Amino acid sequence: MGKHKLSLQWISWDYFGRVIATQKKGVVILKGEQRGRRTKDFLTIEGVVTEINEKDFKFSGKIITQVSFINGGKPCIREGLMTFRITGKRKYWRLEEINNPCDEVADYVDIFLR
């Protein structure tokens, strides 16, 4: 639970947004955002964790990305069940569904361990 760094590579890996994990009545809720410093680019995430394992978790909710040079600069919405996974020696969970559904690019949505 608590605050974790959040990033989308198109916005920045030098400065981060944050996602806050809270627990209510046994349900883990994630809500967060990352905003571009000089642009209108952003990443938002909001939903619930439906399953947690040692190296991954299932997330049900909505992720919205907007990047000036992707999808004509319009927001792209992912909704439904998604998986975040830690592989190798990474210190973060990465969204497994990396293919942007609105353009032919790969989005690295990462939630970092503390």
PDB file of N, CA and C in Angstrom:
ATOM      1  N   MET A   1       0.837  -1.163   0.000  1.00  0.00           N
ATOM      2  CA  MET A   1       0.000   0.000   0.000  1.00  0.00           C
ATOM      3  C   MET A   1       0.895   1.245   0.000  1.00  0.00           C
ATOM      4  N   GLY A   2       0.326   2.357  -0.282  1.00  0.00           N
ATOM      5  CA  GLY A   2       1.094   3.594  -0.255  1.00  0.00           C
ATOM      6  C   GLY A   2       1.362   4.147  -1.641  1.00  0.00           C
ATOM      7  N   LYS A   3       2.337   5.050  -1.715  1.00  0.00           N
ATOM      8  CA  LYS A   3       2.676   5.739  -2.956  1.00  0.00           C
ATOM      9  C   LYS A   3       3.788   5.013  -3.699  1.00  0.00           C
ATOM     10  N   HIS A   4       3.645   4.948  -5.017  1.00  0.00           N
ATOM     11  CA  HIS A   4       4.646   4.321  -5.877  1.00  0.00           C
ATOM     12  C   HIS A   4       4.865   5.202  -7.101  1.00  0.00           C
ATOM     13  N   LYS A   5       6.083   5.185  -7.638  1.00  0.00           N
ATOM     14  CA  LYS A   5       6.360   5.911  -8.872  1.00  0.00           C
ATOM     15  C   LYS A   5       5.608   5.260 -10.026  1.00  0.00           C
ATOM     16  N   LEU A   6       5.208   6.094 -10.978  1.00  0.00           N
ATOM     17  CA  LEU A   6       4.451   5.656 -12.147  1.00  0.00           C
ATOM     18  C   LEU A   6       5.060   6.315 -13.366  1.00  0.00           C
ATOM     19  N   SER A   7       5.222   5.553 -14.457  1.00  0.00           N
ATOM     20  CA  SER A   7       5.782   6.183 -15.656  1.00  0.00           C
ATOM     21  C   SER A   7       5.268   5.561 -16.943  1.00  0.00           C
ATOM     22  N   LEU A   8       5.248   6.401 -17.962  1.00  0.00           N
ATOM     23  CA  LEU A   8       5.044   6.019 -19.350  1.00  0.00           C
ATOM     24  C   LEU A   8       6.257   6.560 -20.084  1.00  0.00           C
ATOM     25  N   GLN A   9       6.975   5.711 -20.815  1.00  0.00           N
ATOM     26  CA  GLN A   9       8.259   6.118 -21.390  1.00  0.00           C
ATOM     27  C   GLN A   9       8.144   7.323 -22.304  1.00  0.00           C
ATOM     28  N   TRP A  10       7.009   7.527 -22.952  1.00  0.00           N
ATOM     29  CA  TRP A  10       6.867   8.660 -23.868  1.00  0.00           C
ATOM     30  C   TRP A  10       6.838   9.991 -23.109  1.00  0.00           C
ATOM     31  N   ILE A  11       6.448   9.952 -21.844  1.00  0.00           N
ATOM     32  CA  ILE A  11       6.402  11.188 -21.052  1.00  0.00           C
ATOM     33  C   ILE A  11       7.763  11.444 -20.432  1.00  0.00           C
ATOM     34  N   SER A  12       8.281  10.486 -19.651  1.00  0.00           N
ATOM     35  CA  SER A  12       9.619  10.645 -19.080  1.00  0.00           C
ATOM     36  C   SER A  12       9.974   9.453 -18.200  1.00  0.00           C
ATOM     37  N   TRP A  13      11.249   9.103 -18.218  1.00  0.00           N
ATOM     38  CA  TRP A  13      11.804   8.189 -17.220  1.00  0.00           C
ATOM     39  C   TRP A  13      12.704   8.970 -16.273  1.00  0.00           C
ATOM     40  N   ASP A  14      12.788  10.285 -16.455  1.00  0.00           N
ATOM     41  CA  ASP A  14      13.616  11.130 -15.584  1.00  0.00           C
ATOM     42  C   ASP A  14      12.813  11.718 -14.432  1.00  0.00           C
ATOM     43  N   TYR A  15      11.561  11.978 -14.658  1.00  0.00           N
ATOM     44  CA  TYR A  15      10.678  12.393 -13.574  1.00  0.00           C
ATOM     45  C   TYR A  15       9.413  11.556 -13.695  1.00  0.00           C
ATOM     46  N   PHE A  16       8.796  11.316 -12.582  1.00  0.00           N
ATOM     47  CA  PHE A  16       7.731  10.317 -12.519  1.00  0.00           C
ATOM     48  C   PHE A  16       6.419  10.919 -12.039  1.00  0.00           C
ATOM     49  N   GLY A  17       5.362  10.206 -12.342  1.00  0.00           N
ATOM     50  CA  GLY A  17       4.086  10.460 -11.707  1.00  0.00           C
ATOM     51  C   GLY A  17       4.018   9.563 -10.490  1.00  0.00           C
ATOM     52  N   ARG A  18       2.822   9.437  -9.938  1.00  0.00           N
ATOM     53  CA  ARG A  18       2.693   8.504  -8.829  1.00  0.00           C
ATOM     54  C   ARG A  18       1.332   7.855  -8.846  1.00  0.00           C
ATOM     55  N   VAL A  19       1.320   6.655  -8.333  1.00  0.00           N
ATOM     56  CA  VAL A  19       0.083   5.910  -8.144  1.00  0.00           C
ATOM     57  C   VAL A  19      -0.024   5.622  -6.650  1.00  0.00           C
ATOM     58  N   ILE A  20      -1.218   5.762  -6.139  1.00  0.00           N
ATOM     59  CA  ILE A  20      -1.461   5.496  -4.729  1.00  0.00           C
ATOM     60  C   ILE A  20      -2.303   4.233  -4.624  1.00  0.00           C
ATOM     61  N   ALA A  21      -1.798   3.294  -3.825  1.00  0.00           N
ATOM     62  CA  ALA A  21      -2.518   2.046  -3.571  1.00  0.00           C
ATOM     63  C   ALA A  21      -3.144   2.130  -2.181  1.00  0.00           C
ATOM     64  N   THR A  22      -4.457   1.977  -2.127  1.00  0.00           N
ATOM     65  CA  THR A  22      -5.170   1.973  -0.856  1.00  0.00           C
ATOM     66  C   THR A  22      -5.982   0.688  -0.768  1.00  0.00           C
ATOM     67  N   GLN A  23      -6.367   0.366   0.442  1.00  0.00           N
ATOM     68  CA  GLN A  23      -7.167  -0.832   0.627  1.00  0.00           C
ATOM     69  C   GLN A  23      -8.444  -0.465   1.383  1.00  0.00           C
ATOM     70  N   LYS A  24      -9.573  -0.855   0.809  1.00  0.00           N
ATOM     71  CA  LYS A  24     -10.869  -0.617   1.440  1.00  0.00           C
ATOM     72  C   LYS A  24     -11.669  -1.904   1.391  1.00  0.00           C
ATOM     73  N   LYS A  25     -12.059  -2.364   2.567  1.00  0.00           N
ATOM     74  CA  LYS A  25     -12.857  -3.592   2.688  1.00  0.00           C
ATOM     75  C   LYS A  25     -12.210  -4.759   1.951  1.00  0.00           C
ATOM     76  N   GLY A  26     -10.889  -4.870   2.054  1.00  0.00           N
ATOM     77  CA  GLY A  26     -10.159  -5.974   1.456  1.00  0.00           C
ATOM     78  C   GLY A  26      -9.859  -5.831  -0.019  1.00  0.00           C
ATOM     79  N   VAL A  27     -10.231  -4.705  -0.627  1.00  0.00           N
ATOM     80  CA  VAL A  27      -9.993  -4.482  -2.049  1.00  0.00           C
ATOM     81  C   VAL A  27      -8.886  -3.442  -2.208  1.00  0.00           C
ATOM     82  N   VAL A  28      -7.884  -3.763  -3.027  1.00  0.00           N
ATOM     83  CA  VAL A  28      -6.786  -2.834  -3.302  1.00  0.00           C
ATOM     84  C   VAL A  28      -7.197  -1.942  -4.475  1.00  0.00           C
ATOM     85  N   ILE A  29      -7.142  -0.637  -4.259  1.00  0.00           N
ATOM     86  CA  ILE A  29      -7.525   0.354  -5.258  1.00  0.00           C
ATOM     87  C   ILE A  29      -6.275   1.094  -5.712  1.00  0.00           C
ATOM     88  N   LEU A  30      -6.110   1.244  -7.024  1.00  0.00           N
ATOM     89  CA  LEU A  30      -4.995   2.004  -7.587  1.00  0.00           C
ATOM     90  C   LEU A  30      -5.535   3.245  -8.280  1.00  0.00           C
ATOM     91  N   LYS A  31      -4.897   4.381  -8.009  1.00  0.00           N
ATOM     92  CA  LYS A  31      -5.273   5.625  -8.678  1.00  0.00           C
ATOM     93  C   LYS A  31      -4.025   6.485  -8.788  1.00  0.00           C
ATOM     94  N   GLY A  32      -3.754   6.956 -10.017  1.00  0.00           N
ATOM     95  CA  GLY A  32      -2.571   7.778 -10.172  1.00  0.00           C
ATOM     96  C   GLY A  32      -2.478   8.441 -11.521  1.00  0.00           C
ATOM     97  N   GLU A  33      -1.416   9.268 -11.663  1.00  0.00           N
ATOM     98  CA  GLU A  33      -1.195   9.956 -12.931  1.00  0.00           C
ATOM     99  C   GLU A  33       0.256  10.397 -13.067  1.00  0.00           C
ATOM    100  N   GLN A  34       0.635  10.609 -14.317  1.00  0.00           N
ATOM    101  CA  GLN A  34       1.904  11.229 -14.682  1.00  0.00           C
ATOM    102  C   GLN A  34       1.567  12.281 -15.728  1.00  0.00           C
ATOM    103  N   ARG A  35       2.129  13.451 -15.580  1.00  0.00           N
ATOM    104  CA  ARG A  35       1.863  14.561 -16.511  1.00  0.00           C
ATOM    105  C   ARG A  35       3.159  15.032 -17.132  1.00  0.00           C
ATOM    106  N   GLY A  36       3.100  15.432 -18.408  1.00  0.00           N
ATOM    107  CA  GLY A  36       4.255  16.010 -19.075  1.00  0.00           C
ATOM    108  C   GLY A  36       4.567  17.381 -18.498  1.00  0.00           C
ATOM    109  N   ARG A  37       5.837  17.715 -18.425  1.00  0.00           N
ATOM    110  CA  ARG A  37       6.233  19.013 -17.866  1.00  0.00           C
ATOM    111  C   ARG A  37       5.966  20.163 -18.819  1.00  0.00           C
ATOM    112  N   ARG A  38       6.258  19.965 -20.086  1.00  0.00           N
ATOM    113  CA  ARG A  38       6.103  21.045 -21.061  1.00  0.00           C
ATOM    114  C   ARG A  38       5.056  20.732 -22.127  1.00  0.00           C
ATOM    115  N   THR A  39       4.370  19.656 -21.957  1.00  0.00           N
ATOM    116  CA  THR A  39       3.389  19.226 -22.948  1.00  0.00           C
ATOM    117  C   THR A  39       2.068  18.907 -22.248  1.00  0.00           C
ATOM    118  N   LYS A  40       1.093  18.566 -23.022  1.00  0.00           N
ATOM    119  CA  LYS A  40      -0.194  18.139 -22.469  1.00  0.00           C
ATOM    120  C   LYS A  40      -0.276  16.619 -22.364  1.00  0.00           C
ATOM    121  N   ASP A  41       0.858  15.938 -22.532  1.00  0.00           N
ATOM    122  CA  ASP A  41       0.902  14.480 -22.448  1.00  0.00           C
ATOM    123  C   ASP A  41       0.575  14.040 -21.020  1.00  0.00           C
ATOM    124  N   PHE A  42      -0.121  12.901 -20.920  1.00  0.00           N
ATOM    125  CA  PHE A  42      -0.430  12.388 -19.591  1.00  0.00           C
ATOM    126  C   PHE A  42      -0.712  10.889 -19.635  1.00  0.00           C
ATOM    127  N   LEU A  43      -0.650  10.294 -18.452  1.00  0.00           N
ATOM    128  CA  LEU A  43      -1.027   8.910 -18.184  1.00  0.00           C
ATOM    129  C   LEU A  43      -1.888   8.942 -16.934  1.00  0.00           C
ATOM    130  N   THR A  44      -3.048   8.308 -16.972  1.00  0.00           N
ATOM    131  CA  THR A  44      -3.849   8.136 -15.762  1.00  0.00           C
ATOM    132  C   THR A  44      -4.195   6.663 -15.612  1.00  0.00           C
ATOM    133  N   ILE A  45      -4.333   6.240 -14.375  1.00  0.00           N
ATOM    134  CA  ILE A  45      -4.694   4.865 -14.071  1.00  0.00           C
ATOM    135  C   ILE A  45      -5.661   4.885 -12.898  1.00  0.00           C
ATOM    136  N   GLU A  46      -6.718   4.088 -13.021  1.00  0.00           N
ATOM    137  CA  GLU A  46      -7.686   3.994 -11.929  1.00  0.00           C
ATOM    138  C   GLU A  46      -8.423   2.668 -12.031  1.00  0.00           C
ATOM    139  N   GLY A  47      -8.456   1.946 -10.908  1.00  0.00           N
ATOM    140  CA  GLY A  47      -9.147   0.666 -10.891  1.00  0.00           C
ATOM    141  C   GLY A  47      -8.805  -0.127  -9.649  1.00  0.00           C
ATOM    142  N   VAL A  48      -9.073  -1.428  -9.703  1.00  0.00           N
ATOM    143  CA  VAL A  48      -8.854  -2.304  -8.560  1.00  0.00           C
ATOM    144  C   VAL A  48      -7.964  -3.484  -8.946  1.00  0.00           C
ATOM    145  N   VAL A  49      -7.260  -3.991  -7.956  1.00  0.00           N
ATOM    146  CA  VAL A  49      -6.450  -5.192  -8.131  1.00  0.00           C
ATOM    147  C   VAL A  49      -7.353  -6.384  -7.821  1.00  0.00           C
ATOM    148  N   THR A  50      -7.446  -7.294  -8.771  1.00  0.00           N
ATOM    149  CA  THR A  50      -8.343  -8.441  -8.602  1.00  0.00           C
ATOM    150  C   THR A  50      -7.624  -9.709  -8.175  1.00  0.00           C
ATOM    151  N   GLU A  51      -6.297  -9.734  -8.385  1.00  0.00           N
ATOM    152  CA  GLU A  51      -5.500 -10.916  -8.037  1.00  0.00           C
ATOM    153  C   GLU A  51      -4.052 -10.488  -7.871  1.00  0.00           C
ATOM    154  N   ILE A  52      -3.389 -11.010  -6.839  1.00  0.00           N
ATOM    155  CA  ILE A  52      -1.982 -10.676  -6.595  1.00  0.00           C
ATOM    156  C   ILE A  52      -1.202 -11.966  -6.433  1.00  0.00           C
ATOM    157  N   ASN A  53      -0.078 -12.069  -7.162  1.00  0.00           N
ATOM    158  CA  ASN A  53       0.847 -13.188  -7.043  1.00  0.00           C
ATOM    159  C   ASN A  53       2.230 -12.637  -6.729  1.00  0.00           C
ATOM    160  N   GLU A  54       3.203 -13.514  -6.605  1.00  0.00           N
ATOM    161  CA  GLU A  54       4.564 -13.089  -6.269  1.00  0.00           C
ATOM    162  C   GLU A  54       5.150 -12.153  -7.321  1.00  0.00           C
ATOM    163  N   LYS A  55       4.922 -12.398  -8.605  1.00  0.00           N
ATOM    164  CA  LYS A  55       5.556 -11.619  -9.671  1.00  0.00           C
ATOM    165  C   LYS A  55       4.586 -10.822 -10.536  1.00  0.00           C
ATOM    166  N   ASP A  56       3.286 -10.915 -10.249  1.00  0.00           N
ATOM    167  CA  ASP A  56       2.354 -10.138 -11.068  1.00  0.00           C
ATOM    168  C   ASP A  56       1.069  -9.835 -10.316  1.00  0.00           C
ATOM    169  N   PHE A  57       0.284  -8.958 -10.891  1.00  0.00           N
ATOM    170  CA  PHE A  57      -1.052  -8.717 -10.375  1.00  0.00           C
ATOM    171  C   PHE A  57      -1.995  -8.390 -11.523  1.00  0.00           C
ATOM    172  N   LYS A  58      -3.254  -8.719 -11.319  1.00  0.00           N
ATOM    173  CA  LYS A  58      -4.311  -8.425 -12.286  1.00  0.00           C
ATOM    174  C   LYS A  58      -4.984  -7.131 -11.857  1.00  0.00           C
ATOM    175  N   PHE A  59      -5.225  -6.280 -12.844  1.00  0.00           N
ATOM    176  CA  PHE A  59      -5.805  -4.970 -12.614  1.00  0.00           C
ATOM    177  C   PHE A  59      -7.060  -4.839 -13.462  1.00  0.00           C
ATOM    178  N   SER A  60      -8.152  -4.428 -12.857  1.00  0.00           N
ATOM    179  CA  SER A  60      -9.383  -4.184 -13.592  1.00  0.00           C
ATOM    180  C   SER A  60      -9.713  -2.705 -13.465  1.00  0.00           C
ATOM    181  N   GLY A  61      -9.712  -2.020 -14.598  1.00  0.00           N
ATOM    182  CA  GLY A  61      -9.970  -0.596 -14.544  1.00  0.00           C
ATOM    183  C   GLY A  61      -9.708   0.083 -15.860  1.00  0.00           C
ATOM    184  N   LYS A  62      -9.217   1.321 -15.754  1.00  0.00           N
ATOM    185  CA  LYS A  62      -9.023   2.155 -16.935  1.00  0.00           C
ATOM    186  C   LYS A  62      -7.632   2.789 -16.887  1.00  0.00           C
ATOM    187  N   ILE A  63      -6.949   2.730 -18.032  1.00  0.00           N
ATOM    188  CA  ILE A  63      -5.679   3.428 -18.226  1.00  0.00           C
ATOM    189  C   ILE A  63      -5.864   4.332 -19.442  1.00  0.00           C
ATOM    190  N   ILE A  64      -5.586   5.615 -19.264  1.00  0.00           N
ATOM    191  CA  ILE A  64      -5.687   6.569 -20.366  1.00  0.00           C
ATOM    192  C   ILE A  64      -4.315   7.177 -20.595  1.00  0.00           C
ATOM    193  N   THR A  65      -3.879   7.178 -21.859  1.00  0.00           N
ATOM    194  CA  THR A  65      -2.626   7.831 -22.237  1.00  0.00           C
ATOM    195  C   THR A  65      -2.926   8.868 -23.307  1.00  0.00           C
ATOM    196  N   GLN A  66      -2.195   9.960 -23.242  1.00  0.00           N
ATOM    197  CA  GLN A  66      -2.251  10.965 -24.303  1.00  0.00           C
ATOM    198  C   GLN A  66      -0.835  11.454 -24.544  1.00  0.00           C
ATOM    199  N   VAL A  67      -0.366  11.260 -25.763  1.00  0.00           N
ATOM    200  CA  VAL A  67       0.981  11.664 -26.166  1.00  0.00           C
ATOM    201  C   VAL A  67       0.846  12.407 -27.489  1.00  0.00           C
ATOM    202  N   SER A  68       1.487  13.545 -27.599  1.00  0.00           N
ATOM    203  CA  SER A  68       1.289  14.452 -28.739  1.00  0.00           C
ATOM    204  C   SER A  68       1.513  13.793 -30.097  1.00  0.00           C
ATOM    205  N   PHE A  69       2.434  12.834 -30.186  1.00  0.00           N
ATOM    206  CA  PHE A  69       2.787  12.237 -31.475  1.00  0.00           C
ATOM    207  C   PHE A  69       2.237  10.823 -31.661  1.00  0.00           C
ATOM    208  N   ILE A  70       1.329  10.414 -30.790  1.00  0.00           N
ATOM    209  CA  ILE A  70       0.689   9.094 -30.890  1.00  0.00           C
ATOM    210  C   ILE A  70      -0.823   9.302 -30.982  1.00  0.00           C
ATOM    211  N   ASN A  71      -1.463   8.565 -31.871  1.00  0.00           N
ATOM    212  CA  ASN A  71      -2.916   8.623 -32.031  1.00  0.00           C
ATOM    213  C   ASN A  71      -3.391  10.054 -32.327  1.00  0.00           C
ATOM    214  N   GLY A  72      -2.601  10.787 -33.092  1.00  0.00           N
ATOM    215  CA  GLY A  72      -2.979  12.153 -33.448  1.00  0.00           C
ATOM    216  C   GLY A  72      -3.069  13.088 -32.262  1.00  0.00           C
ATOM    217  N   GLY A  73      -2.401  12.733 -31.158  1.00  0.00           N
ATOM    218  CA  GLY A  73      -2.430  13.568 -29.959  1.00  0.00           C
ATOM    219  C   GLY A  73      -3.703  13.431 -29.137  1.00  0.00           C
ATOM    220  N   LYS A  74      -4.563  12.484 -29.511  1.00  0.00           N
ATOM    221  CA  LYS A  74      -5.824  12.279 -28.790  1.00  0.00           C
ATOM    222  C   LYS A  74      -5.643  11.216 -27.705  1.00  0.00           C
ATOM    223  N   PRO A  75      -6.464  11.263 -26.659  1.00  0.00           N
ATOM    224  CA  PRO A  75      -6.384  10.250 -25.607  1.00  0.00           C
ATOM    225  C   PRO A  75      -6.666   8.844 -26.144  1.00  0.00           C
ATOM    226  N   CYS A  76      -5.984   7.887 -25.580  1.00  0.00           N
ATOM    227  CA  CYS A  76      -6.199   6.475 -25.894  1.00  0.00           C
ATOM    228  C   CYS A  76      -6.621   5.787 -24.594  1.00  0.00           C
ATOM    229  N   ILE A  77      -7.721   5.073 -24.647  1.00  0.00           N
ATOM    230  CA  ILE A  77      -8.292   4.455 -23.453  1.00  0.00           C
ATOM    231  C   ILE A  77      -8.180   2.937 -23.538  1.00  0.00           C
ATOM    232  N   ARG A  78      -7.639   2.357 -22.460  1.00  0.00           N
ATOM    233  CA  ARG A  78      -7.649   0.904 -22.269  1.00  0.00           C
ATOM    234  C   ARG A  78      -8.582   0.651 -21.097  1.00  0.00           C
ATOM    235  N   GLU A  79      -9.483  -0.304 -21.255  1.00  0.00           N
ATOM    236  CA  GLU A  79     -10.395  -0.650 -20.163  1.00  0.00           C
ATOM    237  C   GLU A  79     -10.510  -2.153 -20.050  1.00  0.00           C
ATOM    238  N   GLY A  80     -10.721  -2.606 -18.824  1.00  0.00           N
ATOM    239  CA  GLY A  80     -10.927  -4.025 -18.606  1.00  0.00           C
ATOM    240  C   GLY A  80      -9.860  -4.629 -17.729  1.00  0.00           C
ATOM    241  N   LEU A  81      -9.652  -5.926 -17.914  1.00  0.00           N
ATOM    242  CA  LEU A  81      -8.689  -6.677 -17.118  1.00  0.00           C
ATOM    243  C   LEU A  81      -7.319  -6.639 -17.786  1.00  0.00           C
ATOM    244  N   MET A  82      -6.291  -6.231 -17.026  1.00  0.00           N
ATOM    245  CA  MET A  82      -4.923  -6.137 -17.520  1.00  0.00           C
ATOM    246  C   MET A  82      -3.983  -6.753 -16.495  1.00  0.00           C
ATOM    247  N   THR A  83      -2.766  -7.069 -16.924  1.00  0.00           N
ATOM    248  CA  THR A  83      -1.774  -7.686 -16.047  1.00  0.00           C
ATOM    249  C   THR A  83      -0.535  -6.816 -15.962  1.00  0.00           C
ATOM    250  N   PHE A  84      -0.031  -6.631 -14.746  1.00  0.00           N
ATOM    251  CA  PHE A  84       1.263  -5.998 -14.506  1.00  0.00           C
ATOM    252  C   PHE A  84       2.194  -7.081 -13.973  1.00  0.00           C
ATOM    253  N   ARG A  85       3.421  -7.138 -14.508  1.00  0.00           N
ATOM    254  CA  ARG A  85       4.336  -8.222 -14.150  1.00  0.00           C
ATOM    255  C   ARG A  85       5.751  -7.713 -13.910  1.00  0.00           C
ATOM    256  N   ILE A  86       6.427  -8.342 -12.947  1.00  0.00           N
ATOM    257  CA  ILE A  86       7.857  -8.129 -12.713  1.00  0.00           C
ATOM    258  C   ILE A  86       8.585  -9.269 -13.408  1.00  0.00           C
ATOM    259  N   THR A  87       9.601  -8.953 -14.234  1.00  0.00           N
ATOM    260  CA  THR A  87      10.420  -9.993 -14.859  1.00  0.00           C
ATOM    261  C   THR A  87      11.880  -9.728 -14.553  1.00  0.00           C
ATOM    262  N   GLY A  88      12.665 -10.799 -14.540  1.00  0.00           N
ATOM    263  CA  GLY A  88      14.096 -10.665 -14.274  1.00  0.00           C
ATOM    264  C   GLY A  88      14.354  -9.964 -12.948  1.00  0.00           C
ATOM    265  N   LYS A  89      15.279  -9.012 -12.976  1.00  0.00           N
ATOM    266  CA  LYS A  89      15.641  -8.271 -11.759  1.00  0.00           C
ATOM    267  C   LYS A  89      15.033  -6.878 -11.731  1.00  0.00           C
ATOM    268  N   ARG A  90      14.008  -6.676 -12.540  1.00  0.00           N
ATOM    269  CA  ARG A  90      13.342  -5.371 -12.566  1.00  0.00           C
ATOM    270  C   ARG A  90      12.825  -4.988 -11.185  1.00  0.00           C
ATOM    271  N   LYS A  91      12.809  -3.690 -10.939  1.00  0.00           N
ATOM    272  CA  LYS A  91      12.292  -3.147  -9.685  1.00  0.00           C
ATOM    273  C   LYS A  91      10.937  -2.490  -9.915  1.00  0.00           C
ATOM    274  N   TYR A  92      10.197  -2.999 -10.890  1.00  0.00           N
ATOM    275  CA  TYR A  92       8.897  -2.437 -11.219  1.00  0.00           C
ATOM    276  C   TYR A  92       8.023  -3.493 -11.885  1.00  0.00           C
ATOM    277  N   TRP A  93       6.715  -3.234 -11.824  1.00  0.00           N
ATOM    278  CA  TRP A  93       5.740  -4.025 -12.557  1.00  0.00           C
ATOM    279  C   TRP A  93       5.499  -3.308 -13.877  1.00  0.00           C
ATOM    280  N   ARG A  94       5.473  -4.033 -14.983  1.00  0.00           N
ATOM    281  CA  ARG A  94       5.198  -3.438 -16.294  1.00  0.00           C
ATOM    282  C   ARG A  94       3.883  -4.001 -16.819  1.00  0.00           C
ATOM    283  N   LEU A  95       3.073  -3.121 -17.391  1.00  0.00           N
ATOM    284  CA  LEU A  95       1.836  -3.548 -18.028  1.00  0.00           C
ATOM    285  C   LEU A  95       2.175  -4.526 -19.143  1.00  0.00           C
ATOM    286  N   GLU A  96       1.607  -5.720 -19.092  1.00  0.00           N
ATOM    287  CA  GLU A  96       1.889  -6.750 -20.086  1.00  0.00           C
ATOM    288  C   GLU A  96       1.276  -6.430 -21.450  1.00  0.00           C
ATOM    289  N   GLU A  97       0.145  -5.775 -21.454  1.00  0.00           N
ATOM    290  CA  GLU A  97      -0.536  -5.433 -22.701  1.00  0.00           C
ATOM    291  C   GLU A  97       0.089  -4.142 -23.246  1.00  0.00           C
ATOM    292  N   ILE A  98       1.334  -4.270 -23.763  1.00  0.00           N
ATOM    293  CA  ILE A  98       2.097  -3.085 -24.152  1.00  0.00           C
ATOM    294  C   ILE A  98       1.656  -2.486 -25.478  1.00  0.00           C
ATOM    295  N   ASN A  99       0.983  -3.253 -26.317  1.00  0.00           N
ATOM    296  CA  ASN A  99       0.566  -2.715 -27.618  1.00  0.00           C
ATOM    297  C   ASN A  99      -0.524  -1.670 -27.426  1.00  0.00           C
ATOM    298  N   ASN A 100      -0.226  -0.456 -27.870  1.00  0.00           N
ATOM    299  CA  ASN A 100      -1.193   0.633 -27.779  1.00  0.00           C
ATOM    300  C   ASN A 100      -2.377   0.286 -28.690  1.00  0.00           C
ATOM    301  N   PRO A 101      -3.602   0.258 -28.159  1.00  0.00           N
ATOM    302  CA  PRO A 101      -4.758  -0.125 -28.978  1.00  0.00           C
ATOM    303  C   PRO A 101      -5.182   0.962 -29.973  1.00  0.00           C
ATOM    304  N   CYS A 102      -4.572   2.146 -29.896  1.00  0.00           N
ATOM    305  CA  CYS A 102      -4.975   3.266 -30.755  1.00  0.00           C
ATOM    306  C   CYS A 102      -3.938   3.623 -31.815  1.00  0.00           C
ATOM    307  N   ASP A 103      -2.754   3.011 -31.765  1.00  0.00           N
ATOM    308  CA  ASP A 103      -1.672   3.334 -32.692  1.00  0.00           C
ATOM    309  C   ASP A 103      -0.699   2.155 -32.695  1.00  0.00           C
ATOM    310  N   GLU A 104       0.208   2.125 -33.643  1.00  0.00           N
ATOM    311  CA  GLU A 104       1.142   1.004 -33.746  1.00  0.00           C
ATOM    312  C   GLU A 104       2.437   1.289 -32.994  1.00  0.00           C
ATOM    313  N   VAL A 105       2.329   1.418 -31.672  1.00  0.00           N
ATOM    314  CA  VAL A 105       3.484   1.637 -30.812  1.00  0.00           C
ATOM    315  C   VAL A 105       3.335   0.765 -29.571  1.00  0.00           C
ATOM    316  N   ALA A 106       4.440   0.615 -28.839  1.00  0.00           N
ATOM    317  CA  ALA A 106       4.434  -0.109 -27.573  1.00  0.00           C
ATOM    318  C   ALA A 106       4.546   0.900 -26.434  1.00  0.00           C
ATOM    319  N   ASP A 107       3.633   0.812 -25.491  1.00  0.00           N
ATOM    320  CA  ASP A 107       3.630   1.688 -24.318  1.00  0.00           C
ATOM    321  C   ASP A 107       4.179   0.917 -23.122  1.00  0.00           C
ATOM    322  N   TYR A 108       5.168   1.476 -22.453  1.00  0.00           N
ATOM    323  CA  TYR A 108       5.706   0.884 -21.236  1.00  0.00           C
ATOM    324  C   TYR A 108       5.131   1.635 -20.056  1.00  0.00           C
ATOM    325  N   VAL A 109       4.055   1.083 -19.521  1.00  0.00           N
ATOM    326  CA  VAL A 109       3.424   1.638 -18.314  1.00  0.00           C
ATOM    327  C   VAL A 109       4.009   0.875 -17.136  1.00  0.00           C
ATOM    328  N   ASP A 110       4.752   1.568 -16.288  1.00  0.00           N
ATOM    329  CA  ASP A 110       5.479   0.937 -15.198  1.00  0.00           C
ATOM    330  C   ASP A 110       5.051   1.498 -13.838  1.00  0.00           C
ATOM    331  N   ILE A 111       4.887   0.597 -12.875  1.00  0.00           N
ATOM    332  CA  ILE A 111       4.648   0.955 -11.484  1.00  0.00           C
ATOM    333  C   ILE A 111       5.827   0.414 -10.702  1.00  0.00           C
ATOM    334  N   PHE A 112       6.549   1.305 -10.033  1.00  0.00           N
ATOM    335  CA  PHE A 112       7.791   0.950  -9.365  1.00  0.00           C
ATOM    336  C   PHE A 112       7.571   0.501  -7.933  1.00  0.00           C
ATOM    337  N   LEU A 113       8.422  -0.445  -7.507  1.00  0.00           N
ATOM    338  CA  LEU A 113       8.441  -0.851  -6.112  1.00  0.00           C
ATOM    339  C   LEU A 113       8.936   0.338  -5.298  1.00  0.00           C
ATOM    340  N   ARG A 114       8.745   0.312  -4.047  1.00  0.00           N
ATOM    341  CA  ARG A 114       9.203   1.428  -3.200  1.00  0.00           C
ATOM    342  C   ARG A 114      10.702   1.506  -3.144  1.00  0.00           C
TER     343      ARG A 114
END
